[in-house]
Protein backbone atom coordinates (compact mmCIF):
# COMPACT_ATOMS: atom_id res chain seq x y z
CA MET A 1 6.24 39.59 3.33
CA SER A 2 2.58 38.58 3.63
CA CYS A 3 2.27 36.96 0.43
CA LEU A 4 4.63 34.11 1.28
CA LYS A 5 3.31 34.37 5.21
CA GLY A 6 -0.30 33.65 3.79
CA LEU A 7 1.06 30.46 1.14
CA LEU A 8 2.61 29.84 4.72
CA ALA A 9 -0.07 30.19 6.73
CA SER A 10 -2.78 28.78 4.43
CA CYS A 11 -1.07 25.38 4.69
CA LEU A 12 -1.39 25.28 8.26
CA VAL A 13 -5.55 24.53 6.78
CA LEU A 14 -4.35 20.97 6.87
CA VAL A 15 -3.23 20.65 10.25
CA SER A 16 -7.12 21.91 11.46
CA VAL A 17 -7.84 18.65 8.83
CA MET A 18 -9.27 16.12 11.89
CA SER A 19 -9.02 12.39 11.16
CA TRP A 20 -13.28 11.22 10.54
CA ALA A 21 -12.84 8.94 13.07
CA LYS A 22 -10.69 11.36 15.61
CA ALA A 23 -12.37 14.62 15.66
CA VAL A 24 -11.34 17.38 18.12
CA PRO A 25 -13.71 17.68 21.41
CA ILE A 26 -15.40 20.79 21.34
CA SER A 27 -14.84 20.73 24.55
CA LEU A 28 -11.21 23.00 23.52
CA ASP A 29 -12.51 26.25 23.34
CA LYS A 30 -9.98 27.93 21.22
CA THR A 31 -11.45 31.38 21.53
CA LYS A 32 -10.43 32.55 24.85
CA VAL A 33 -7.75 35.10 25.14
CA LYS A 34 -6.68 37.38 28.11
CA LEU A 35 -6.74 40.97 27.85
CA PRO A 36 -4.29 43.20 26.02
CA GLU A 37 -2.85 44.22 29.41
CA GLU A 38 -2.63 41.00 30.52
CA THR A 39 -1.41 39.12 27.38
CA VAL A 40 2.64 38.28 27.11
CA LYS A 41 2.95 37.49 23.49
CA GLU A 42 4.90 34.04 23.49
CA PRO A 43 6.86 33.39 19.82
CA PRO A 44 4.37 31.76 17.41
CA GLN A 45 4.47 28.05 17.69
CA SER A 46 5.44 25.85 14.63
CA VAL A 47 2.60 24.01 13.81
CA ASP A 48 3.02 20.87 10.79
CA THR A 49 1.36 22.21 7.77
CA GLY A 50 0.88 18.34 7.01
CA LEU A 51 2.87 18.67 3.84
CA HIS A 52 5.38 16.21 3.81
CA TYR A 53 8.02 18.76 2.43
CA ASP A 54 6.62 21.32 5.35
CA ARG A 55 10.18 21.29 6.93
CA TYR A 56 12.15 22.52 3.52
CA LEU A 57 9.24 24.73 3.10
CA ARG A 58 9.34 26.46 5.93
CA GLU A 59 13.43 27.26 5.88
CA VAL A 60 13.51 28.62 2.30
CA ILE A 61 10.56 31.09 3.03
CA ASP A 62 12.38 31.85 6.37
CA PHE A 63 15.66 32.28 4.68
CA LEU A 64 13.91 34.60 2.10
CA GLU A 65 12.45 36.59 4.40
CA LYS A 66 16.37 37.71 5.66
CA ASP A 67 17.05 38.96 2.33
CA GLN A 68 16.33 42.65 1.97
CA HIS A 69 16.02 42.73 -1.70
CA PHE A 70 13.44 40.08 -1.44
CA ARG A 71 11.54 41.55 0.87
CA GLU A 72 10.84 44.55 -0.71
CA LYS A 73 9.71 42.80 -3.81
CA LEU A 74 6.73 41.83 -1.41
CA HIS A 75 5.65 44.44 -0.69
CA ASN A 76 3.57 45.15 -3.82
CA THR A 77 3.31 41.36 -4.97
CA ASP A 78 0.01 39.98 -4.71
CA MET A 79 -1.03 36.27 -4.37
CA GLU A 80 -1.88 35.57 -7.80
CA ASP A 81 2.18 37.13 -9.22
CA ILE A 82 3.41 34.90 -7.14
CA LYS A 83 1.40 31.59 -8.07
CA GLN A 84 2.57 32.93 -11.87
CA GLY A 85 6.06 32.65 -10.92
CA LYS A 86 6.77 36.35 -10.87
CA LEU A 87 8.26 36.46 -7.66
CA ALA A 88 10.28 33.28 -8.23
CA LYS A 89 12.59 35.43 -10.59
CA GLU A 90 13.25 37.56 -8.08
CA LEU A 91 15.44 34.84 -6.67
CA ASP A 92 18.71 35.82 -9.32
CA PHE A 93 18.86 39.33 -7.26
CA VAL A 94 18.92 37.60 -3.45
CA SER A 95 22.42 38.27 -1.06
CA HIS A 96 25.27 35.66 -2.27
CA HIS A 97 24.50 33.99 1.63
CA VAL A 98 21.44 33.43 1.21
CA ARG A 99 21.58 31.97 -1.97
CA THR A 100 24.31 29.69 -0.33
CA LYS A 101 22.11 28.74 2.08
CA LEU A 102 19.12 27.70 0.06
CA ASP A 103 21.59 25.53 -2.14
CA GLU A 104 22.16 23.59 0.94
CA LEU A 105 18.46 23.25 2.00
CA LYS A 106 18.12 21.37 -1.12
CA ARG A 107 21.05 19.71 -1.07
CA GLN A 108 19.86 18.16 2.25
CA GLU A 109 16.23 17.83 0.66
CA VAL A 110 17.27 15.94 -2.34
CA SER A 111 19.59 13.47 0.12
CA ARG A 112 16.57 12.62 2.06
CA LEU A 113 14.09 12.08 -1.18
CA ARG A 114 17.11 9.72 -1.76
CA THR A 115 16.69 8.05 1.39
CA LEU A 116 13.13 7.61 1.58
CA ILE A 117 13.34 6.02 -2.10
CA LYS A 118 15.74 3.39 -1.00
CA ALA A 119 13.64 3.05 1.99
CA LYS A 120 10.66 2.07 -0.27
CA GLN A 121 12.70 -0.56 -2.54
CA ASP A 122 13.81 -2.28 0.80
CA ILE A 123 10.22 -2.69 1.99
CA GLU A 124 9.39 -3.39 -1.17
CA GLY A 125 11.99 -6.68 -1.62
CA GLY A 126 15.49 -4.93 -2.19
CA ASN A 127 17.54 -3.66 -5.25
CA ASP A 128 15.82 -6.35 -7.51
CA ILE A 129 12.28 -5.49 -7.69
CA ALA A 130 11.84 -2.74 -10.01
CA VAL A 131 9.99 0.75 -8.67
CA ASP A 132 8.34 3.02 -10.40
CA HIS A 133 10.83 6.01 -10.35
CA GLN A 134 7.84 8.37 -11.97
CA ALA A 135 5.62 7.93 -9.63
CA LEU A 136 7.93 8.46 -6.80
CA LEU A 137 9.15 11.44 -8.35
CA LYS A 138 5.91 12.75 -8.91
CA GLN A 139 5.50 13.25 -5.08
CA PHE A 140 8.43 15.53 -5.52
CA GLU A 141 7.45 18.09 -8.27
CA TYR A 142 8.37 21.00 -5.50
CA LEU A 143 11.83 21.04 -6.56
CA ASN A 144 14.21 20.15 -9.66
CA HIS A 145 15.19 16.85 -8.89
CA MET A 146 17.01 16.93 -12.36
CA ASN A 147 19.87 19.75 -10.44
CA PRO A 148 20.42 18.08 -6.96
CA HIS A 149 23.38 20.72 -6.25
CA THR A 150 21.73 24.24 -6.89
CA PHE A 151 18.75 26.33 -5.53
CA GLU A 152 17.71 28.01 -8.61
CA VAL A 153 14.65 30.06 -9.75
CA GLU A 154 12.71 26.81 -11.03
CA ASP A 155 13.06 25.56 -7.57
CA LEU A 156 11.41 28.27 -5.82
CA ASP A 157 8.59 28.50 -8.52
CA ARG A 158 8.03 24.70 -7.94
CA LEU A 159 8.09 25.01 -4.41
CA ILE A 160 5.04 28.05 -4.54
CA LYS A 161 2.91 26.46 -7.48
CA SER A 162 3.38 22.84 -5.31
CA ALA A 163 2.15 24.54 -1.81
CA THR A 164 -0.48 26.57 -3.66
CA ASN A 165 -1.81 23.80 -5.76
CA ASP A 166 -2.02 21.56 -2.89
CA LEU A 167 -4.08 23.91 -0.67
CA GLU A 168 -6.54 24.84 -3.31
CA ASN A 169 -7.44 21.49 -4.23
CA TYR A 170 -7.77 20.55 -0.19
CA ASP A 171 -11.25 22.00 -0.01
CA LYS A 172 -12.28 20.30 -3.03
CA GLU A 173 -11.15 16.93 -1.96
CA ARG A 174 -12.62 17.50 1.92
CA HIS A 175 -16.15 18.13 0.37
CA GLU A 176 -15.31 14.77 -1.35
CA GLU A 177 -14.69 12.74 0.99
CA PHE A 178 -17.04 14.41 3.37
CA LYS A 179 -19.59 13.78 1.02
CA LYS A 180 -18.82 10.43 0.90
CA TYR A 181 -18.81 9.28 4.24
CA GLU A 182 -22.60 10.79 4.49
CA MET A 183 -23.60 8.36 2.26
CA MET A 184 -21.99 5.60 3.74
CA LYS A 185 -23.54 6.42 6.70
CA GLU A 186 -27.07 6.01 5.33
CA HIS A 187 -26.17 3.53 3.05
CA GLU A 188 -24.83 1.36 5.94
CA ARG A 189 -28.16 2.24 8.09
CA ARG A 190 -29.92 1.26 4.80
CA GLU A 191 -28.45 -1.91 5.06
CA HIS A 192 -29.36 -2.54 8.41
CA LEU A 193 -32.96 -2.14 8.43
CA LYS A 194 -33.14 -4.93 5.78
CA THR A 195 -32.00 -7.52 8.24
CA LEU A 196 -34.73 -6.53 10.47
CA ASP A 197 -38.79 -7.82 10.43
CA GLU A 198 -41.71 -5.49 9.97
CA GLU A 199 -41.75 -4.58 13.87
CA ASP A 200 -38.40 -4.23 14.57
CA ARG A 201 -38.17 -1.72 11.38
CA ARG A 202 -40.90 0.62 12.10
CA LYS A 203 -39.46 1.23 15.72
CA GLU A 204 -35.69 1.74 14.08
CA GLU A 205 -37.09 4.24 11.48
CA GLU A 206 -39.01 5.93 14.43
CA HIS A 207 -36.05 6.75 16.45
CA TYR A 208 -33.69 7.85 13.46
CA GLU A 209 -36.14 10.44 13.11
CA GLU A 210 -36.48 10.85 16.26
CA LEU A 211 -32.79 11.81 16.82
CA LYS A 212 -32.79 13.97 13.77
CA LYS A 213 -35.81 16.04 15.33
CA LYS A 214 -33.49 16.44 18.66
CA HIS A 215 -30.46 17.57 16.73
CA ALA A 216 -32.42 20.12 14.40
CA ASP A 217 -33.35 21.78 17.89
CA HIS A 218 -30.90 23.91 19.13
CA PRO A 219 -30.66 27.96 19.35
CA LYS A 220 -30.32 30.14 16.37
CA VAL A 221 -26.58 30.17 15.09
CA ASN A 222 -25.11 33.29 13.82
CA HIS A 223 -23.86 34.18 10.26
CA PRO A 224 -20.34 32.81 10.82
CA GLY A 225 -18.11 36.45 10.70
CA SER A 226 -21.47 38.53 11.45
CA LYS A 227 -21.41 41.37 13.67
CA ASP A 228 -24.01 39.61 15.94
CA GLN A 229 -21.13 36.08 15.74
CA LEU A 230 -18.14 38.24 16.62
CA LYS A 231 -20.29 40.35 19.69
CA GLU A 232 -20.98 36.77 21.20
CA VAL A 233 -17.09 35.61 20.85
CA TRP A 234 -16.29 38.83 22.56
CA GLU A 235 -18.84 38.84 25.48
CA GLU A 236 -19.04 35.05 25.98
CA ALA A 237 -15.23 33.99 25.18
CA ASP A 238 -13.25 37.63 26.07
CA GLY A 239 -15.24 38.07 28.95
CA LEU A 240 -16.14 42.02 27.36
CA ASP A 241 -19.02 44.39 27.64
CA PRO A 242 -21.28 43.89 24.44
CA GLU A 243 -21.94 47.38 24.08
CA ASP A 244 -18.14 48.03 23.87
CA PHE A 245 -16.98 45.77 20.87
CA ASP A 246 -15.05 47.50 18.87
CA PRO A 247 -13.20 45.86 15.71
CA LYS A 248 -10.31 46.62 15.92
CA THR A 249 -9.63 45.68 18.91
CA PHE A 250 -11.58 42.45 18.74
CA PHE A 251 -8.75 41.69 15.70
CA ASN A 252 -5.75 42.39 18.22
CA LEU A 253 -7.10 39.59 20.83
CA HIS A 254 -7.61 36.92 18.14
CA ASP A 255 -4.49 37.54 16.12
CA SER A 256 -2.90 34.97 18.70
CA ASN A 257 0.49 34.62 16.79
CA GLY A 258 0.33 38.73 16.53
CA ASP A 259 2.27 38.91 13.23
CA GLY A 260 -1.38 40.86 11.73
CA PHE A 261 -3.53 38.84 9.86
CA PHE A 262 -6.28 36.00 10.61
CA ASP A 263 -5.15 32.55 9.01
CA GLU A 264 -7.42 29.66 8.73
CA GLN A 265 -6.97 28.32 12.23
CA GLU A 266 -7.15 31.75 13.45
CA LEU A 267 -10.53 32.07 12.22
CA GLU A 268 -11.54 28.96 12.77
CA ALA A 269 -11.38 29.54 16.37
CA LEU A 270 -14.21 31.68 16.29
CA PHE A 271 -16.65 29.62 15.62
CA THR A 272 -16.42 27.39 18.75
CA LYS A 273 -19.14 28.91 20.97
CA GLU A 274 -21.65 28.50 17.47
CA LEU A 275 -21.02 25.18 17.02
CA GLU A 276 -21.35 24.47 20.88
CA LYS A 277 -25.03 25.33 20.00
CA ILE A 278 -25.16 22.67 17.48
CA TYR A 279 -23.14 19.66 18.57
CA ASP A 280 -22.34 17.87 22.18
CA PRO A 281 -20.45 14.85 21.94
CA THR A 282 -22.02 13.15 24.68
CA ASN A 283 -25.53 12.86 22.52
CA GLU A 284 -25.85 10.37 20.38
CA GLU A 285 -28.18 12.42 17.66
CA ASP A 286 -25.08 14.58 17.61
CA ASP A 287 -21.94 13.73 14.83
CA MET A 288 -18.39 15.03 15.97
CA VAL A 289 -17.30 14.56 11.84
CA GLU A 290 -20.06 16.51 10.91
CA MET A 291 -18.68 19.22 13.79
CA GLU A 292 -15.88 19.20 12.06
CA GLU A 293 -17.46 19.88 8.53
CA GLU A 294 -19.70 22.66 9.93
CA ARG A 295 -16.22 24.64 11.13
CA LEU A 296 -14.21 24.25 8.18
CA ARG A 297 -18.00 25.61 5.95
CA MET A 298 -17.56 28.64 8.50
CA ARG A 299 -14.03 29.32 7.94
CA GLU A 300 -14.27 28.50 4.05
CA HIS A 301 -17.38 30.48 3.65
CA VAL A 302 -15.59 34.19 5.79
CA MET A 303 -12.46 33.56 4.08
CA ASN A 304 -14.68 34.02 0.47
CA GLU A 305 -16.32 37.13 1.73
CA VAL A 306 -13.19 38.65 3.37
CA ASP A 307 -9.73 38.07 2.12
CA THR A 308 -10.63 40.09 -1.10
CA ASN A 309 -6.50 39.54 -2.60
CA LYS A 310 -7.17 35.61 -1.85
CA ASP A 311 -3.58 35.08 -0.34
CA ARG A 312 -5.83 32.37 2.24
CA LEU A 313 -5.27 35.78 5.05
CA VAL A 314 -7.35 37.83 6.52
CA SER A 315 -5.40 41.20 6.77
CA LEU A 316 -6.24 43.91 9.43
CA ASP A 317 -7.41 46.21 6.61
CA GLU A 318 -9.67 43.65 5.17
CA PHE A 319 -10.71 43.12 8.28
CA LEU A 320 -12.09 46.69 9.18
CA VAL A 321 -13.52 46.83 5.60
CA ALA A 322 -15.74 44.02 6.08
CA THR A 323 -17.33 44.99 9.31
CA LYS A 324 -18.72 47.95 7.42
CA LYS A 325 -20.54 45.92 5.12
CA LYS A 326 -24.12 45.31 5.29
CA GLU A 327 -23.43 41.35 5.34
CA PHE A 328 -21.74 42.21 8.34
CA LEU A 329 -24.65 44.04 10.04
CA GLU A 330 -27.61 42.53 8.60
CA PRO A 331 -26.72 38.95 7.79
CA ASP A 332 -29.16 36.18 6.25
CA SER A 333 -29.29 33.49 8.31
CA TRP A 334 -26.41 30.47 8.50
CA GLU A 335 -28.06 27.24 7.09
CA THR A 336 -26.43 24.80 8.60
CA LEU A 337 -25.58 21.00 7.66
CA GLU A 338 -28.84 18.94 8.85
CA GLN A 339 -30.58 22.01 6.26
CA ASN A 340 -27.98 20.97 3.68
CA GLN A 341 -27.81 17.64 2.60
CA ALA A 342 -24.67 16.88 1.73
CA TYR A 343 -25.79 14.59 -1.56
CA THR A 344 -28.49 14.46 -4.38
CA ASP A 345 -30.36 11.30 -4.21
CA GLU A 346 -28.46 10.76 -7.58
CA GLU A 347 -25.41 10.90 -6.14
CA MET A 348 -26.80 8.47 -3.25
CA ARG A 349 -28.12 5.95 -5.94
CA GLU A 350 -24.84 6.40 -8.24
CA PHE A 351 -22.59 5.53 -4.85
CA GLU A 352 -24.78 2.48 -4.00
CA GLU A 353 -24.31 1.32 -7.78
CA HIS A 354 -20.61 1.21 -6.90
CA LEU A 355 -20.83 -0.33 -3.95
CA VAL A 356 -22.67 -3.43 -5.50
CA ARG A 357 -20.06 -3.32 -8.32
CA GLN A 358 -17.52 -3.41 -5.94
CA GLU A 359 -18.85 -6.40 -3.87
CA GLU A 360 -19.31 -8.48 -7.08
CA ASP A 361 -15.74 -7.66 -8.41
CA LEU A 362 -14.45 -9.00 -4.69
CA ASN A 363 -16.64 -11.80 -4.82
CA GLN A 364 -15.05 -12.62 -8.24
CA LYS A 365 -11.72 -11.96 -7.23
CA ALA A 366 -12.72 -14.39 -3.89
CA SER A 367 -13.92 -16.80 -5.97
CA ASP A 368 -10.89 -16.67 -8.28
CA LEU A 369 -8.36 -17.13 -5.40
CA GLN A 370 -9.82 -19.92 -4.01
CA LYS A 371 -9.95 -21.82 -7.15
CA GLN A 372 -5.93 -21.50 -7.56
CA ARG A 373 -6.10 -22.29 -3.85
CA GLU A 374 -7.77 -25.73 -4.63
CA ASP A 375 -5.39 -26.38 -8.00
CA LEU A 376 -2.53 -24.95 -5.82
CA GLU A 377 -3.67 -27.94 -3.06
CA ARG A 378 -4.18 -30.43 -5.61
CA GLN A 379 -0.54 -30.04 -6.75
CA GLN A 380 0.71 -30.10 -3.41
CA GLU A 381 -0.95 -33.77 -2.86
CA GLN A 382 0.28 -34.93 -6.33
CA LEU A 383 3.69 -33.37 -4.72
CA ASN A 384 3.43 -35.42 -1.42
CA ALA A 385 2.25 -38.81 -3.07
CA GLN A 386 5.37 -38.74 -5.35
CA LYS A 387 7.77 -37.66 -2.21
CA ILE A 388 6.37 -40.53 -0.18
CA GLU A 389 6.95 -42.88 -3.12
CA LEU A 390 10.45 -41.93 -3.48
CA GLN A 391 11.12 -42.34 0.12
CA GLN A 392 9.95 -45.59 0.31
CA ALA A 393 12.06 -46.62 -2.88
CA VAL A 394 15.21 -44.98 -0.70
CA GLU A 395 14.11 -46.98 2.58
CA HIS A 396 13.63 -50.22 0.25
CA MET A 397 17.40 -49.81 -1.00
CA GLU A 398 18.37 -49.41 2.55
CA ARG A 399 17.10 -52.11 3.57
CA LEU A 400 19.00 -54.14 0.82
CA LYS A 401 22.22 -52.65 1.87
CA THR A 402 21.49 -53.31 5.31
CA GLN A 403 20.84 -57.40 4.79
CA ASN A 404 23.88 -57.44 2.60
CA VAL A 405 21.61 -59.61 -0.25
CA PRO A 406 24.39 -61.01 -2.70
CA SER A 407 24.34 -60.31 -6.40
CA PRO A 408 23.33 -63.42 -8.41
CA PRO A 409 26.65 -65.04 -9.62
CA GLU A 410 27.50 -65.29 -13.24
CA THR A 411 26.82 -68.75 -15.20
CA HIS A 412 29.69 -70.62 -16.97
CA TRP A 413 29.28 -73.33 -18.75
CA GLU A 414 32.05 -75.54 -19.76
CA GLY A 415 31.89 -78.07 -22.54
CA ASN A 416 28.51 -79.69 -22.84
CA ALA A 417 27.60 -79.25 -19.19
CA VAL A 418 23.83 -78.07 -19.01
CA PRO A 419 22.98 -76.02 -15.71
CA GLU A 420 20.64 -78.49 -13.22
CA SER A 421 18.48 -76.02 -13.36
CA LEU A 422 17.20 -76.12 -16.66
CA GLY A 423 14.82 -79.28 -17.35
CA HIS A 424 14.59 -80.87 -20.41
CA ASP A 425 11.63 -79.18 -21.14
CA GLN A 426 13.88 -75.88 -21.59
CA PRO A 427 15.89 -74.71 -24.67
CA LEU A 428 19.64 -76.11 -24.44
CA PRO A 429 22.78 -74.16 -25.19
CA PRO A 430 23.87 -74.72 -28.53
CA GLY A 431 25.60 -78.30 -28.77
CA HIS A 432 23.27 -79.90 -26.38
CA GLN A 433 20.81 -80.76 -28.61
CA ASN A 434 19.37 -84.20 -29.44
CA ILE A 435 22.29 -85.78 -26.83
CA PRO A 436 20.68 -88.88 -25.31
CA PRO A 437 20.89 -88.46 -21.45
CA GLU A 438 23.01 -91.41 -20.90
CA GLN A 439 25.63 -89.83 -22.79
CA GLN A 440 25.38 -86.29 -20.94
CA GLN A 441 27.42 -88.02 -18.27
CA HIS A 442 30.58 -88.61 -19.86
CA HIS A 443 32.52 -85.34 -21.22
CA ASP A 444 35.37 -86.00 -20.08
CA VAL A 445 36.79 -84.58 -23.65
CA PRO A 446 40.17 -83.51 -23.76
CA PRO A 447 40.16 -79.63 -23.84
CA ASN A 448 41.96 -80.27 -27.66
CA GLN A 449 38.98 -82.07 -28.36
CA GLN A 450 36.46 -79.58 -27.32
CA ASP A 451 36.46 -77.58 -30.31
CA LEU A 452 36.26 -80.53 -33.15
CA GLY A 453 34.43 -79.49 -36.33
CA GLN A 454 31.74 -81.39 -37.52
CA GLU A 455 33.85 -83.69 -39.07
CA HIS A 456 35.15 -85.44 -35.36
CA LYS A 457 30.91 -85.83 -34.33
CA ASN A 458 31.34 -89.44 -35.87
CA ILE A 459 34.12 -90.39 -33.69
CA PRO A 460 33.32 -92.71 -31.07
CA GLN A 461 32.98 -92.63 -27.50
CA GLU A 462 34.03 -94.82 -24.96
CA ASN A 463 31.17 -97.28 -23.98
CA GLN A 464 29.78 -96.28 -27.00
CA PRO A 465 28.23 -98.90 -29.02
CA LEU A 466 29.53 -99.40 -32.45
CA PRO A 467 28.21 -99.82 -36.00
CA PRO A 468 27.48 -103.48 -37.62
CA GLY A 469 31.47 -104.57 -38.51
CA HIS A 470 32.57 -102.88 -35.44
CA ASN A 471 33.08 -105.58 -32.81
CA SER A 472 34.54 -104.28 -29.34
CA PRO A 473 38.38 -105.02 -28.98
CA PRO A 474 39.22 -107.97 -26.02
CA GLN A 475 39.30 -106.69 -22.48
CA ASP A 476 42.68 -107.61 -22.36
CA SER A 477 43.97 -105.35 -24.94
CA PRO A 478 45.60 -102.60 -24.51
CA LYS A 479 44.21 -99.32 -25.00
CA MET A 480 45.86 -97.36 -28.24
CA PRO A 481 45.80 -93.89 -28.00
CA LEU A 482 43.51 -92.56 -30.88
CA ASP A 483 45.59 -90.75 -33.63
CA HIS A 484 43.49 -88.08 -34.92
CA ASN A 485 45.65 -88.29 -38.29
CA ASN A 486 44.66 -91.36 -39.48
CA VAL A 487 41.17 -90.98 -38.99
CA PRO A 488 39.37 -91.51 -42.36
């Protein structure tokens, strides 16, 4: 199972990736082990690979290891064949029991992914918010989500390719991240110098050069993986006589999980003594982020030199072959990070230009947001003013209701009566025009005479002067009722 174990063990490199702000203290010496007769092998501990499908990957590999046919096929299978999917086709020949377990594992994993997607929807605002499922599923390329029930050849092929791809891209991404870290550190130093006057700037530059000189003043660093480097571990960490150095014994001592291979973590543990020569967490001039990068550079170099089948593991045979090479016995000197700047001047210039563009974009966005804020504040002020007006109108109506102010009465005019409020200069209603004031006081006309037409306008009223020839009757003569029928 060396190839599949190599795939899983190579995942452990992700565990050794430390946050740039949380480097592992150098005081932790991972190279110290007991002598063979004093050592009791403990079962290898399960270390999280850092992959979000770590548990699924481990359980699939564990069940495949239990199938005899699958183990036999792996005996002559190299990592390149695994990457090309040749191994996945052997899944059709594993036992029914193993296939059933794999089906169950896949259903559990699909259920876990559905829970993650549901949680993401809830976080983003509920089911009403659209979720980019394609972006989500891209994170889950390690399994065929179109068939959520059974574990097929495609599932194993996807799992292997995804894990391999994640690991192969890791070193490249790590280098880029470290390069950005170093350029940002230099950029911030330059920006700080701009804030100083000439004298303080000169002192700061002198202090910087002094720290660089102190950091570079350290004992010689042995070439990683060379005989001198391993003999130093043999003597100082293992407490053995350097004259008795034996490669095979050394391998067995430092194969900490006893699986017959050096994985990447076990290799990195061999470089602690070399790193202690360069870095001290109590020194101002020593950067612990750079220490971890140096450790990973050493591991990467040894893997490239010794891991001939590229399964990201160093077997005992590969190790013994490497100890017979000239590079092991007479290696070149090792150039540390301070001798190999992580970036070029051109890269630094482009990086700073990128930072300037980022700052301009942020300033423009800040300006746009400020304008939006001002517009919203003006709109809010207008809304507040309208609200106040409405409140005042409502309060006024409430006061009127409280005071019981009566509504203006309707005006009813009878006959020729004119309201007292109407003056002589105001227009009069129909039927009241050109009537002398002395006549306006006598309007006790029977109701049946109020609507008389034009022919009754000349009928004399009581106390009204008569035309010539119509003398008033004697005072004692009885008043006769007016017969309208006899009126000429």
